[in-house]
Amino acid sequence: MTGSSSSPGSSPKPGGGQPLRRLEGPASGNGLGGAELAAIGLGALWLLAAVAFYVFAPEETGLAQWADLITTVLAVVLPLAMLWVAASAARSARVMREESEQLQAAIDGLRQSYLAQAQQHAGVAETSVAKRLEEIAEATRKTETALATFHTSRRANPLRPAIPQAAAEMTAAEQGSLALGTQAADTAPPLSAEQFIRALNFPETAEDEEGFAALRAALRDRKAAQVIQAAQDVLTLLSQDGIYMDDLRPDMARPEVWRQFGQGARGRAVAALGGVRDRTSLALTAARMKQDPIFRDAAHHFLRRFDQMFADFEAEATDGEISALGNTRTARAFMLLGRVAGTFD
């Protein structure tokens, strides 16, 4: 018989096909706990004892007497039991309410912590994105400024002269001969616009034969020589502060704006001529204008000479020639000094 029977608590045999009840636990979510099972057991024992007492009790013991006794005991005990049950229920309810409040507080804390972290991450992300966009915008502005107004030749050779030494010596020599009379100007052939523009740009290097030829021809013309001498002076003074016209990349104005300037317009009407945007060059030039009277006199003298020259040049020049003149070193010096002097304000 032992081979065919099994206890309730025994494990099923492997392959027997029986469900593994032990894995479900003694009490599931909807099952009975130990207290409920104990109450059911005691209730059953009480009923069995009462039935046995009434069934098997002898007649002579006085069943009515026992019934009165039991009724009295129940009348005394049951209210106490009910009060105890009510107190236990109230205590359980209070414990459950406190636990529920603690759980709700914990949930609220977690929610607030999550929201705070989310806002913090969002704020950090927004700040990071805004900072990155600002860095990109600043880099773009710096790149545009560098491309428009700066050239690496300033760093490559900061001690180079403003114009080639040979051109400076030749200009001084020509100016000395011009001071003795006007015979050279009277006998010189007419200066073409192309040569004049090329002379205003000065020779590129000591080997620039075309540039020297144009400069030599321009120095034979009295008015052209005056402008070239004034331009040479300011270019040399500007080079002392490391300001070179090759480094500047000004915004080029249209020929009609130059024509308005040649016809006498000043201020905001010709503000486009002040196309120099290099803040370093503008700051250094402005400081030099305030502190150095020699530089200030040379700058104003150059601006007057350029003004007089361009008024005559504009009357006969084409738009292409005006644009070419506006791209020379002399014109760039005029843009820089004119903006510092307030010519375009």
C-alpha atoms as a PDB file:
ATOM      1  CA  MET A   1       0.000   0.000   0.000  1.00  0.00           C
ATOM      2  CA  THR A   2       2.899   2.330   0.638  1.00  0.00           C
ATOM      3  CA  GLY A   3       3.948   2.169  -2.969  1.00  0.00           C
ATOM      4  CA  SER A   4       0.602   3.405  -4.264  1.00  0.00           C
ATOM      5  CA  SER A   5      -0.186   6.192  -1.790  1.00  0.00           C
ATOM      6  CA  SER A   6       1.488   9.542  -1.394  1.00  0.00           C
ATOM      7  CA  SER A   7       1.215  12.201   1.241  1.00  0.00           C
ATOM      8  CA  PRO A   8      -0.188  15.623   0.409  1.00  0.00           C
ATOM      9  CA  GLY A   9       3.136  17.235   0.998  1.00  0.00           C
ATOM     10  CA  SER A  10       5.186  14.774  -1.072  1.00  0.00           C
ATOM     11  CA  SER A  11       6.690  15.877  -4.333  1.00  0.00           C
ATOM     12  CA  PRO A  12       5.282  14.474  -7.535  1.00  0.00           C
ATOM     13  CA  LYS A  13       7.368  11.967  -9.426  1.00  0.00           C
ATOM     14  CA  PRO A  14       9.159  13.173 -12.473  1.00  0.00           C
ATOM     15  CA  GLY A  15       7.065  12.589 -15.573  1.00  0.00           C
ATOM     16  CA  GLY A  16       3.963  11.806 -13.524  1.00  0.00           C
ATOM     17  CA  GLY A  17       1.953  14.576 -15.219  1.00  0.00           C
ATOM     18  CA  GLN A  18       0.759  16.116 -11.938  1.00  0.00           C
ATOM     19  CA  PRO A  19       0.925  19.925 -11.529  1.00  0.00           C
ATOM     20  CA  LEU A  20       3.644  21.276  -9.273  1.00  0.00           C
ATOM     21  CA  ARG A  21       1.387  22.632  -6.501  1.00  0.00           C
ATOM     22  CA  ARG A  22       4.304  23.378  -4.169  1.00  0.00           C
ATOM     23  CA  LEU A  23       5.460  26.136  -6.483  1.00  0.00           C
ATOM     24  CA  GLU A  24       2.213  28.065  -5.901  1.00  0.00           C
ATOM     25  CA  GLY A  25       2.957  28.754  -2.188  1.00  0.00           C
ATOM     26  CA  PRO A  26       0.753  28.138   0.840  1.00  0.00           C
ATOM     27  CA  ALA A  27      -1.500  31.113   0.190  1.00  0.00           C
ATOM     28  CA  SER A  28      -2.122  32.893  -3.060  1.00  0.00           C
ATOM     29  CA  GLY A  29      -3.378  36.404  -3.411  1.00  0.00           C
ATOM     30  CA  ASN A  30      -7.047  35.317  -2.994  1.00  0.00           C
ATOM     31  CA  GLY A  31      -6.438  32.300  -0.637  1.00  0.00           C
ATOM     32  CA  LEU A  32      -6.776  31.913   3.127  1.00  0.00           C
ATOM     33  CA  GLY A  33      -4.021  32.827   5.529  1.00  0.00           C
ATOM     34  CA  GLY A  34      -2.988  31.131   8.776  1.00  0.00           C
ATOM     35  CA  ALA A  35      -5.317  33.247  10.948  1.00  0.00           C
ATOM     36  CA  GLU A  36      -8.343  32.409   8.766  1.00  0.00           C
ATOM     37  CA  LEU A  37      -7.550  28.696   8.820  1.00  0.00           C
ATOM     38  CA  ALA A  38      -7.120  28.780  12.631  1.00  0.00           C
ATOM     39  CA  ALA A  39     -10.455  30.590  13.011  1.00  0.00           C
ATOM     40  CA  ILE A  40     -12.204  28.020  10.790  1.00  0.00           C
ATOM     41  CA  GLY A  41     -10.667  25.167  12.773  1.00  0.00           C
ATOM     42  CA  LEU A  42     -11.627  26.568  16.147  1.00  0.00           C
ATOM     43  CA  GLY A  43     -15.131  27.321  14.906  1.00  0.00           C
ATOM     44  CA  ALA A  44     -15.513  23.760  13.702  1.00  0.00           C
ATOM     45  CA  LEU A  45     -14.283  22.410  17.052  1.00  0.00           C
ATOM     46  CA  TRP A  46     -16.711  24.685  18.864  1.00  0.00           C
ATOM     47  CA  LEU A  47     -19.618  23.429  16.786  1.00  0.00           C
ATOM     48  CA  LEU A  48     -18.591  19.822  17.266  1.00  0.00           C
ATOM     49  CA  ALA A  49     -18.270  20.336  21.015  1.00  0.00           C
ATOM     50  CA  ALA A  50     -21.674  22.014  21.231  1.00  0.00           C
ATOM     51  CA  VAL A  51     -23.356  19.306  19.159  1.00  0.00           C
ATOM     52  CA  ALA A  52     -21.670  16.559  21.201  1.00  0.00           C
ATOM     53  CA  PHE A  53     -22.663  18.226  24.410  1.00  0.00           C
ATOM     54  CA  TYR A  54     -26.329  18.471  23.479  1.00  0.00           C
ATOM     55  CA  VAL A  55     -26.439  15.016  21.937  1.00  0.00           C
ATOM     56  CA  PHE A  56     -24.434  12.964  24.380  1.00  0.00           C
ATOM     57  CA  ALA A  57     -25.035  14.834  27.641  1.00  0.00           C
ATOM     58  CA  PRO A  58     -27.168  12.723  30.118  1.00  0.00           C
ATOM     59  CA  GLU A  59     -30.636  13.854  31.080  1.00  0.00           C
ATOM     60  CA  GLU A  60     -29.879  14.149  34.777  1.00  0.00           C
ATOM     61  CA  THR A  61     -27.146  16.767  34.382  1.00  0.00           C
ATOM     62  CA  GLY A  62     -29.758  19.387  33.760  1.00  0.00           C
ATOM     63  CA  LEU A  63     -29.495  20.436  30.176  1.00  0.00           C
ATOM     64  CA  ALA A  64     -31.559  23.499  30.858  1.00  0.00           C
ATOM     65  CA  GLN A  65     -29.108  24.543  33.558  1.00  0.00           C
ATOM     66  CA  TRP A  66     -26.156  24.205  31.190  1.00  0.00           C
ATOM     67  CA  ALA A  67     -28.078  26.117  28.549  1.00  0.00           C
ATOM     68  CA  ASP A  68     -28.646  28.989  30.926  1.00  0.00           C
ATOM     69  CA  LEU A  69     -24.985  28.965  31.909  1.00  0.00           C
ATOM     70  CA  ILE A  70     -23.823  28.959  28.308  1.00  0.00           C
ATOM     71  CA  THR A  71     -26.227  31.757  27.449  1.00  0.00           C
ATOM     72  CA  THR A  72     -24.931  33.831  30.349  1.00  0.00           C
ATOM     73  CA  VAL A  73     -21.307  33.216  29.350  1.00  0.00           C
ATOM     74  CA  LEU A  74     -22.062  34.105  25.730  1.00  0.00           C
ATOM     75  CA  ALA A  75     -23.912  37.240  26.821  1.00  0.00           C
ATOM     76  CA  VAL A  76     -20.846  38.348  28.770  1.00  0.00           C
ATOM     77  CA  VAL A  77     -18.123  37.168  26.398  1.00  0.00           C
ATOM     78  CA  LEU A  78     -19.613  38.023  23.004  1.00  0.00           C
ATOM     79  CA  PRO A  79     -19.743  41.827  23.587  1.00  0.00           C
ATOM     80  CA  LEU A  80     -16.145  41.744  24.772  1.00  0.00           C
ATOM     81  CA  ALA A  81     -15.178  39.680  21.742  1.00  0.00           C
ATOM     82  CA  MET A  82     -17.020  42.041  19.414  1.00  0.00           C
ATOM     83  CA  LEU A  83     -15.316  45.059  21.043  1.00  0.00           C
ATOM     84  CA  TRP A  84     -11.958  43.349  20.649  1.00  0.00           C
ATOM     85  CA  VAL A  85     -12.689  42.550  17.032  1.00  0.00           C
ATOM     86  CA  ALA A  86     -13.800  46.140  16.411  1.00  0.00           C
ATOM     87  CA  ALA A  87     -10.662  47.485  18.096  1.00  0.00           C
ATOM     88  CA  SER A  88      -8.477  45.132  16.063  1.00  0.00           C
ATOM     89  CA  ALA A  89     -10.266  46.186  12.878  1.00  0.00           C
ATOM     90  CA  ALA A  90      -9.819  49.872  13.750  1.00  0.00           C
ATOM     91  CA  ARG A  91      -6.140  49.318  14.503  1.00  0.00           C
ATOM     92  CA  SER A  92      -5.659  47.458  11.221  1.00  0.00           C
ATOM     93  CA  ALA A  93      -7.453  50.225   9.353  1.00  0.00           C
ATOM     94  CA  ARG A  94      -5.252  52.845  11.029  1.00  0.00           C
ATOM     95  CA  VAL A  95      -2.092  50.914  10.190  1.00  0.00           C
ATOM     96  CA  MET A  96      -3.256  50.476   6.606  1.00  0.00           C
ATOM     97  CA  ARG A  97      -4.099  54.201   6.372  1.00  0.00           C
ATOM     98  CA  GLU A  98      -0.670  55.191   7.714  1.00  0.00           C
ATOM     99  CA  GLU A  99       1.056  52.811   5.331  1.00  0.00           C
ATOM    100  CA  SER A 100      -1.060  54.151   2.490  1.00  0.00           C
ATOM    101  CA  GLU A 101      -0.087  57.730   3.408  1.00  0.00           C
ATOM    102  CA  GLN A 102       3.581  56.755   3.600  1.00  0.00           C
ATOM    103  CA  LEU A 103       3.315  55.014   0.251  1.00  0.00           C
ATOM    104  CA  GLN A 104       1.596  58.047  -1.280  1.00  0.00           C
ATOM    105  CA  ALA A 105       4.273  60.321   0.183  1.00  0.00           C
ATOM    106  CA  ALA A 106       6.976  58.069  -1.252  1.00  0.00           C
ATOM    107  CA  ILE A 107       5.243  58.104  -4.654  1.00  0.00           C
ATOM    108  CA  ASP A 108       4.941  61.910  -4.529  1.00  0.00           C
ATOM    109  CA  GLY A 109       8.602  62.184  -3.589  1.00  0.00           C
ATOM    110  CA  LEU A 110       9.597  59.945  -6.466  1.00  0.00           C
ATOM    111  CA  ARG A 111       7.408  61.948  -8.834  1.00  0.00           C
ATOM    112  CA  GLN A 112       8.877  65.265  -7.678  1.00  0.00           C
ATOM    113  CA  SER A 113      12.383  63.862  -7.897  1.00  0.00           C
ATOM    114  CA  TYR A 114      11.710  62.610 -11.410  1.00  0.00           C
ATOM    115  CA  LEU A 115      10.231  65.950 -12.474  1.00  0.00           C
ATOM    116  CA  ALA A 116      13.157  67.834 -10.914  1.00  0.00           C
ATOM    117  CA  GLN A 117      15.662  65.611 -12.681  1.00  0.00           C
ATOM    118  CA  ALA A 118      13.753  65.929 -15.941  1.00  0.00           C
ATOM    119  CA  GLN A 119      13.664  69.727 -15.638  1.00  0.00           C
ATOM    120  CA  GLN A 120      17.332  69.786 -14.683  1.00  0.00           C
ATOM    121  CA  HIS A 121      18.287  67.636 -17.653  1.00  0.00           C
ATOM    122  CA  ALA A 122      16.051  69.732 -19.892  1.00  0.00           C
ATOM    123  CA  GLY A 123      17.601  72.925 -18.536  1.00  0.00           C
ATOM    124  CA  VAL A 124      21.117  71.555 -18.952  1.00  0.00           C
ATOM    125  CA  ALA A 125      20.298  70.382 -22.462  1.00  0.00           C
ATOM    126  CA  GLU A 126      18.719  73.726 -23.355  1.00  0.00           C
ATOM    127  CA  THR A 127      21.667  75.623 -21.892  1.00  0.00           C
ATOM    128  CA  SER A 128      24.099  73.365 -23.712  1.00  0.00           C
ATOM    129  CA  VAL A 129      22.247  73.792 -27.012  1.00  0.00           C
ATOM    130  CA  ALA A 130      22.009  77.573 -26.564  1.00  0.00           C
ATOM    131  CA  LYS A 131      25.686  77.759 -25.662  1.00  0.00           C
ATOM    132  CA  ARG A 132      26.614  75.631 -28.645  1.00  0.00           C
ATOM    133  CA  LEU A 133      24.514  77.789 -30.977  1.00  0.00           C
ATOM    134  CA  GLU A 134      26.140  80.910 -29.562  1.00  0.00           C
ATOM    135  CA  GLU A 135      29.586  79.386 -30.092  1.00  0.00           C
ATOM    136  CA  ILE A 136      28.677  78.487 -33.685  1.00  0.00           C
ATOM    137  CA  ALA A 137      27.333  82.004 -34.302  1.00  0.00           C
ATOM    138  CA  GLU A 138      30.443  83.557 -32.764  1.00  0.00           C
ATOM    139  CA  ALA A 139      32.705  81.292 -34.826  1.00  0.00           C
ATOM    140  CA  THR A 140      30.755  82.221 -37.945  1.00  0.00           C
ATOM    141  CA  ARG A 141      31.116  85.928 -37.196  1.00  0.00           C
ATOM    142  CA  LYS A 142      34.827  85.529 -36.565  1.00  0.00           C
ATOM    143  CA  THR A 143      35.248  83.546 -39.773  1.00  0.00           C
ATOM    144  CA  GLU A 144      33.373  86.139 -41.799  1.00  0.00           C
ATOM    145  CA  THR A 145      35.413  88.920 -40.241  1.00  0.00           C
ATOM    146  CA  ALA A 146      38.649  87.062 -40.879  1.00  0.00           C
ATOM    147  CA  LEU A 147      37.736  86.317 -44.465  1.00  0.00           C
ATOM    148  CA  ALA A 148      36.618  89.881 -45.091  1.00  0.00           C
ATOM    149  CA  THR A 149      39.209  91.966 -43.288  1.00  0.00           C
ATOM    150  CA  PHE A 150      42.283  90.019 -42.329  1.00  0.00           C
ATOM    151  CA  HIS A 151      45.153  88.402 -44.149  1.00  0.00           C
ATOM    152  CA  THR A 152      47.896  86.143 -42.851  1.00  0.00           C
ATOM    153  CA  SER A 153      50.642  88.323 -44.237  1.00  0.00           C
ATOM    154  CA  ARG A 154      50.502  90.489 -41.100  1.00  0.00           C
ATOM    155  CA  ARG A 155      51.707  87.595 -38.985  1.00  0.00           C
ATOM    156  CA  ALA A 156      54.058  86.290 -41.652  1.00  0.00           C
ATOM    157  CA  ASN A 157      56.145  89.426 -42.005  1.00  0.00           C
ATOM    158  CA  PRO A 158      55.253  92.142 -39.474  1.00  0.00           C
ATOM    159  CA  LEU A 159      58.387  94.180 -40.252  1.00  0.00           C
ATOM    160  CA  ARG A 160      57.835  94.614 -43.984  1.00  0.00           C
ATOM    161  CA  PRO A 161      57.697  98.205 -45.334  1.00  0.00           C
ATOM    162  CA  ALA A 162      54.421  99.801 -46.358  1.00  0.00           C
ATOM    163  CA  ILE A 163      55.709 100.136 -49.932  1.00  0.00           C
ATOM    164  CA  PRO A 164      58.938  98.853 -51.493  1.00  0.00           C
ATOM    165  CA  GLN A 165      62.017 100.841 -50.493  1.00  0.00           C
ATOM    166  CA  ALA A 166      62.938 101.505 -54.101  1.00  0.00           C
ATOM    167  CA  ALA A 167      59.524 103.046 -54.748  1.00  0.00           C
ATOM    168  CA  ALA A 168      59.833 105.282 -51.677  1.00  0.00           C
ATOM    169  CA  GLU A 169      63.278 106.502 -52.718  1.00  0.00           C
ATOM    170  CA  MET A 170      62.144 107.169 -56.246  1.00  0.00           C
ATOM    171  CA  THR A 171      59.100 109.101 -54.987  1.00  0.00           C
ATOM    172  CA  ALA A 172      61.270 111.306 -52.778  1.00  0.00           C
ATOM    173  CA  ALA A 173      63.699 111.957 -55.616  1.00  0.00           C
ATOM    174  CA  GLU A 174      60.921 112.867 -58.024  1.00  0.00           C
ATOM    175  CA  GLN A 175      59.337 115.160 -55.453  1.00  0.00           C
ATOM    176  CA  GLY A 176      62.665 116.951 -55.038  1.00  0.00           C
ATOM    177  CA  SER A 177      62.903 117.706 -58.739  1.00  0.00           C
ATOM    178  CA  LEU A 178      59.284 118.824 -58.880  1.00  0.00           C
ATOM    179  CA  ALA A 179      59.932 121.365 -56.138  1.00  0.00           C
ATOM    180  CA  LEU A 180      62.355 123.242 -58.421  1.00  0.00           C
ATOM    181  CA  GLY A 181      59.810 123.905 -61.138  1.00  0.00           C
ATOM    182  CA  THR A 182      57.176 122.461 -63.385  1.00  0.00           C
ATOM    183  CA  GLN A 183      59.265 121.718 -66.422  1.00  0.00           C
ATOM    184  CA  ALA A 184      58.895 117.953 -65.911  1.00  0.00           C
ATOM    185  CA  ALA A 185      55.125 118.273 -65.677  1.00  0.00           C
ATOM    186  CA  ASP A 186      54.977 120.490 -68.722  1.00  0.00           C
ATOM    187  CA  THR A 187      56.974 118.101 -70.902  1.00  0.00           C
ATOM    188  CA  ALA A 188      55.514 114.828 -69.529  1.00  0.00           C
ATOM    189  CA  PRO A 189      53.020 112.971 -71.721  1.00  0.00           C
ATOM    190  CA  PRO A 190      49.396 112.775 -70.485  1.00  0.00           C
ATOM    191  CA  LEU A 191      48.902 110.210 -67.703  1.00  0.00           C
ATOM    192  CA  SER A 192      46.438 107.464 -68.621  1.00  0.00           C
ATOM    193  CA  ALA A 193      43.802 106.296 -66.158  1.00  0.00           C
ATOM    194  CA  GLU A 194      45.267 102.800 -66.164  1.00  0.00           C
ATOM    195  CA  GLN A 195      48.736 104.032 -65.225  1.00  0.00           C
ATOM    196  CA  PHE A 196      47.311 106.334 -62.570  1.00  0.00           C
ATOM    197  CA  ILE A 197      45.334 103.523 -60.936  1.00  0.00           C
ATOM    198  CA  ARG A 198      48.359 101.238 -61.076  1.00  0.00           C
ATOM    199  CA  ALA A 199      50.503 103.936 -59.448  1.00  0.00           C
ATOM    200  CA  LEU A 200      47.970 104.436 -56.628  1.00  0.00           C
ATOM    201  CA  ASN A 201      48.391 100.750 -55.776  1.00  0.00           C
ATOM    202  CA  PHE A 202      52.230 101.135 -55.621  1.00  0.00           C
ATOM    203  CA  PRO A 203      54.576  98.384 -56.846  1.00  0.00           C
ATOM    204  CA  GLU A 204      53.939  94.950 -55.386  1.00  0.00           C
ATOM    205  CA  THR A 205      57.611  93.990 -55.045  1.00  0.00           C
ATOM    206  CA  ALA A 206      61.029  95.309 -55.969  1.00  0.00           C
ATOM    207  CA  GLU A 207      60.781  93.303 -59.190  1.00  0.00           C
ATOM    208  CA  ASP A 208      57.435  94.780 -60.221  1.00  0.00           C
ATOM    209  CA  GLU A 209      58.640  96.600 -63.342  1.00  0.00           C
ATOM    210  CA  GLU A 210      55.124  97.472 -64.490  1.00  0.00           C
ATOM    211  CA  GLY A 211      54.298  99.004 -61.122  1.00  0.00           C
ATOM    212  CA  PHE A 212      57.487 101.074 -61.093  1.00  0.00           C
ATOM    213  CA  ALA A 213      56.867 102.250 -64.630  1.00  0.00           C
ATOM    214  CA  ALA A 214      53.345 103.409 -63.692  1.00  0.00           C
ATOM    215  CA  LEU A 215      54.655 105.072 -60.524  1.00  0.00           C
ATOM    216  CA  ARG A 216      57.397 106.838 -62.511  1.00  0.00           C
ATOM    217  CA  ALA A 217      54.850 108.116 -65.024  1.00  0.00           C
ATOM    218  CA  ALA A 218      52.482 109.281 -62.258  1.00  0.00           C
ATOM    219  CA  LEU A 219      55.238 111.195 -60.465  1.00  0.00           C
ATOM    220  CA  ARG A 220      55.746 113.290 -63.588  1.00  0.00           C
ATOM    221  CA  ASP A 221      52.162 114.551 -63.180  1.00  0.00           C
ATOM    222  CA  ARG A 222      51.949 117.251 -60.525  1.00  0.00           C
ATOM    223  CA  LYS A 223      48.472 116.439 -59.141  1.00  0.00           C
ATOM    224  CA  ALA A 224      49.043 112.696 -59.217  1.00  0.00           C
ATOM    225  CA  ALA A 225      52.393 113.127 -57.482  1.00  0.00           C
ATOM    226  CA  GLN A 226      50.790 115.088 -54.660  1.00  0.00           C
ATOM    227  CA  VAL A 227      48.291 112.312 -53.972  1.00  0.00           C
ATOM    228  CA  ILE A 228      50.952 109.603 -54.226  1.00  0.00           C
ATOM    229  CA  GLN A 229      53.269 111.471 -51.832  1.00  0.00           C
ATOM    230  CA  ALA A 230      50.462 111.942 -49.298  1.00  0.00           C
ATOM    231  CA  ALA A 231      49.470 108.287 -49.627  1.00  0.00           C
ATOM    232  CA  GLN A 232      53.081 107.190 -49.151  1.00  0.00           C
ATOM    233  CA  ASP A 233      53.313 109.209 -45.940  1.00  0.00           C
ATOM    234  CA  VAL A 234      50.188 107.726 -44.322  1.00  0.00           C
ATOM    235  CA  LEU A 235      51.021 104.197 -45.477  1.00  0.00           C
ATOM    236  CA  THR A 236      54.446 104.471 -43.886  1.00  0.00           C
ATOM    237  CA  LEU A 237      52.987 105.817 -40.632  1.00  0.00           C
ATOM    238  CA  LEU A 238      50.302 103.130 -40.553  1.00  0.00           C
ATOM    239  CA  SER A 239      52.914 100.415 -41.077  1.00  0.00           C
ATOM    240  CA  GLN A 240      54.571 101.528 -37.833  1.00  0.00           C
ATOM    241  CA  ASP A 241      51.514 100.190 -36.017  1.00  0.00           C
ATOM    242  CA  GLY A 242      51.459  97.002 -38.073  1.00  0.00           C
ATOM    243  CA  ILE A 243      48.585  98.160 -40.284  1.00  0.00           C
ATOM    244  CA  TYR A 244      49.016  97.145 -43.922  1.00  0.00           C
ATOM    245  CA  MET A 245      46.572  97.709 -46.718  1.00  0.00           C
ATOM    246  CA  ASP A 246      47.148  94.203 -48.086  1.00  0.00           C
ATOM    247  CA  ASP A 247      45.680  92.846 -44.880  1.00  0.00           C
ATOM    248  CA  LEU A 248      42.436  94.784 -45.212  1.00  0.00           C
ATOM    249  CA  ARG A 249      39.528  93.291 -47.121  1.00  0.00           C
ATOM    250  CA  PRO A 250      36.954  96.086 -47.105  1.00  0.00           C
ATOM    251  CA  ASP A 251      33.421  95.838 -48.425  1.00  0.00           C
ATOM    252  CA  MET A 252      33.620  97.301 -51.904  1.00  0.00           C
ATOM    253  CA  ALA A 253      31.188 100.127 -52.665  1.00  0.00           C
ATOM    254  CA  ARG A 254      29.355 100.459 -55.970  1.00  0.00           C
ATOM    255  CA  PRO A 255      30.650 102.951 -58.567  1.00  0.00           C
ATOM    256  CA  GLU A 256      27.580 105.165 -58.165  1.00  0.00           C
ATOM    257  CA  VAL A 257      28.423 105.668 -54.475  1.00  0.00           C
ATOM    258  CA  TRP A 258      31.950 106.724 -55.430  1.00  0.00           C
ATOM    259  CA  ARG A 259      30.460 109.123 -57.980  1.00  0.00           C
ATOM    260  CA  GLN A 260      28.250 110.690 -55.303  1.00  0.00           C
ATOM    261  CA  PHE A 261      31.363 111.223 -53.182  1.00  0.00           C
ATOM    262  CA  GLY A 262      33.219 112.773 -56.116  1.00  0.00           C
ATOM    263  CA  GLN A 263      30.261 115.111 -56.673  1.00  0.00           C
ATOM    264  CA  GLY A 264      30.385 116.377 -53.090  1.00  0.00           C
ATOM    265  CA  ALA A 265      28.114 114.045 -51.112  1.00  0.00           C
ATOM    266  CA  ARG A 266      29.234 113.315 -47.531  1.00  0.00           C
ATOM    267  CA  GLY A 267      27.912 111.557 -44.438  1.00  0.00           C
ATOM    268  CA  ARG A 268      25.538 108.623 -44.572  1.00  0.00           C
ATOM    269  CA  ALA A 269      24.886 109.085 -48.268  1.00  0.00           C
ATOM    270  CA  VAL A 270      28.368 107.680 -48.935  1.00  0.00           C
ATOM    271  CA  ALA A 271      28.662 105.520 -45.788  1.00  0.00           C
ATOM    272  CA  ALA A 272      29.237 102.451 -47.970  1.00  0.00           C
ATOM    273  CA  LEU A 273      32.719 103.807 -48.765  1.00  0.00           C
ATOM    274  CA  GLY A 274      33.775 103.132 -45.165  1.00  0.00           C
ATOM    275  CA  GLY A 275      33.896  99.407 -45.828  1.00  0.00           C
ATOM    276  CA  VAL A 276      36.828  98.652 -43.524  1.00  0.00           C
ATOM    277  CA  ARG A 277      35.572  96.353 -40.728  1.00  0.00           C
ATOM    278  CA  ASP A 278      38.844  95.361 -39.070  1.00  0.00           C
ATOM    279  CA  ARG A 279      38.309  96.488 -35.477  1.00  0.00           C
ATOM    280  CA  THR A 280      41.978  96.228 -34.607  1.00  0.00           C
ATOM    281  CA  SER A 281      43.058  98.501 -37.447  1.00  0.00           C
ATOM    282  CA  LEU A 282      40.259 100.964 -36.696  1.00  0.00           C
ATOM    283  CA  ALA A 283      41.125 101.088 -32.979  1.00  0.00           C
ATOM    284  CA  LEU A 284      44.855 101.534 -33.582  1.00  0.00           C
ATOM    285  CA  THR A 285      44.258 104.230 -36.187  1.00  0.00           C
ATOM    286  CA  ALA A 286      41.789 106.115 -33.972  1.00  0.00           C
ATOM    287  CA  ALA A 287      44.234 106.027 -31.054  1.00  0.00           C
ATOM    288  CA  ARG A 288      47.052 107.251 -33.294  1.00  0.00           C
ATOM    289  CA  MET A 289      44.862 110.081 -34.594  1.00  0.00           C
ATOM    290  CA  LYS A 290      44.214 111.299 -31.027  1.00  0.00           C
ATOM    291  CA  GLN A 291      47.730 110.911 -29.658  1.00  0.00           C
ATOM    292  CA  ASP A 292      50.038 111.700 -32.591  1.00  0.00           C
ATOM    293  CA  PRO A 293      49.650 115.193 -34.110  1.00  0.00           C
ATOM    294  CA  ILE A 294      52.062 114.378 -36.942  1.00  0.00           C
ATOM    295  CA  PHE A 295      49.985 111.386 -37.935  1.00  0.00           C
ATOM    296  CA  ARG A 296      46.781 113.418 -37.612  1.00  0.00           C
ATOM    297  CA  ASP A 297      48.123 116.184 -39.893  1.00  0.00           C
ATOM    298  CA  ALA A 298      49.350 113.646 -42.440  1.00  0.00           C
ATOM    299  CA  ALA A 299      45.986 111.844 -42.411  1.00  0.00           C
ATOM    300  CA  HIS A 300      43.955 115.025 -42.943  1.00  0.00           C
ATOM    301  CA  HIS A 301      46.348 116.180 -45.654  1.00  0.00           C
ATOM    302  CA  PHE A 302      45.961 112.841 -47.422  1.00  0.00           C
ATOM    303  CA  LEU A 303      42.153 112.963 -47.150  1.00  0.00           C
ATOM    304  CA  ARG A 304      42.097 116.427 -48.727  1.00  0.00           C
ATOM    305  CA  ARG A 305      44.401 115.381 -51.557  1.00  0.00           C
ATOM    306  CA  PHE A 306      42.376 112.251 -52.238  1.00  0.00           C
ATOM    307  CA  ASP A 307      39.152 114.266 -52.199  1.00  0.00           C
ATOM    308  CA  GLN A 308      40.485 116.769 -54.735  1.00  0.00           C
ATOM    309  CA  MET A 309      41.978 114.055 -56.920  1.00  0.00           C
ATOM    310  CA  PHE A 310      38.835 111.939 -57.032  1.00  0.00           C
ATOM    311  CA  ALA A 311      36.596 114.886 -57.877  1.00  0.00           C
ATOM    312  CA  ASP A 312      38.634 115.354 -61.074  1.00  0.00           C
ATOM    313  CA  PHE A 313      39.024 111.621 -61.724  1.00  0.00           C
ATOM    314  CA  GLU A 314      35.300 110.800 -61.412  1.00  0.00           C
ATOM    315  CA  ALA A 315      34.291 113.305 -64.082  1.00  0.00           C
ATOM    316  CA  GLU A 316      35.979 111.312 -66.867  1.00  0.00           C
ATOM    317  CA  ALA A 317      36.383 107.787 -65.418  1.00  0.00           C
ATOM    318  CA  THR A 318      34.224 104.801 -66.300  1.00  0.00           C
ATOM    319  CA  ASP A 319      32.557 102.566 -63.725  1.00  0.00           C
ATOM    320  CA  GLY A 320      35.227  99.932 -64.264  1.00  0.00           C
ATOM    321  CA  GLU A 321      38.023 102.418 -63.653  1.00  0.00           C
ATOM    322  CA  ILE A 322      36.321 103.680 -60.488  1.00  0.00           C
ATOM    323  CA  SER A 323      35.986 100.119 -59.197  1.00  0.00           C
ATOM    324  CA  ALA A 324      39.653  99.457 -59.984  1.00  0.00           C
ATOM    325  CA  LEU A 325      40.726 102.603 -58.144  1.00  0.00           C
ATOM    326  CA  GLY A 326      38.596 101.626 -55.148  1.00  0.00           C
ATOM    327  CA  ASN A 327      40.619  98.409 -54.839  1.00  0.00           C
ATOM    328  CA  THR A 328      44.037 100.095 -54.615  1.00  0.00           C
ATOM    329  CA  ARG A 329      46.144 100.508 -51.489  1.00  0.00           C
ATOM    330  CA  THR A 330      45.587 104.269 -51.594  1.00  0.00           C
ATOM    331  CA  ALA A 331      41.794 103.855 -51.692  1.00  0.00           C
ATOM    332  CA  ARG A 332      41.914 101.417 -48.784  1.00  0.00           C
ATOM    333  CA  ALA A 333      43.891 103.929 -46.767  1.00  0.00           C
ATOM    334  CA  PHE A 334      41.237 106.500 -47.625  1.00  0.00           C
ATOM    335  CA  MET A 335      38.463 104.126 -46.431  1.00  0.00           C
ATOM    336  CA  LEU A 336      40.269 103.483 -43.156  1.00  0.00           C
ATOM    337  CA  LEU A 337      41.221 107.074 -42.388  1.00  0.00           C
ATOM    338  CA  GLY A 338      37.912 108.449 -43.641  1.00  0.00           C
ATOM    339  CA  ARG A 339      35.975 106.210 -41.314  1.00  0.00           C
ATOM    340  CA  VAL A 340      38.151 107.143 -38.344  1.00  0.00           C
ATOM    341  CA  ALA A 341      37.917 110.852 -39.197  1.00  0.00           C
ATOM    342  CA  GLY A 342      34.121 110.682 -39.458  1.00  0.00           C
ATOM    343  CA  THR A 343      33.864 111.388 -43.185  1.00  0.00           C
ATOM    344  CA  PHE A 344      31.099 108.802 -43.561  1.00  0.00           C
ATOM    345  CA  ASP A 345      29.119 109.636 -40.396  1.00  0.00           C
END
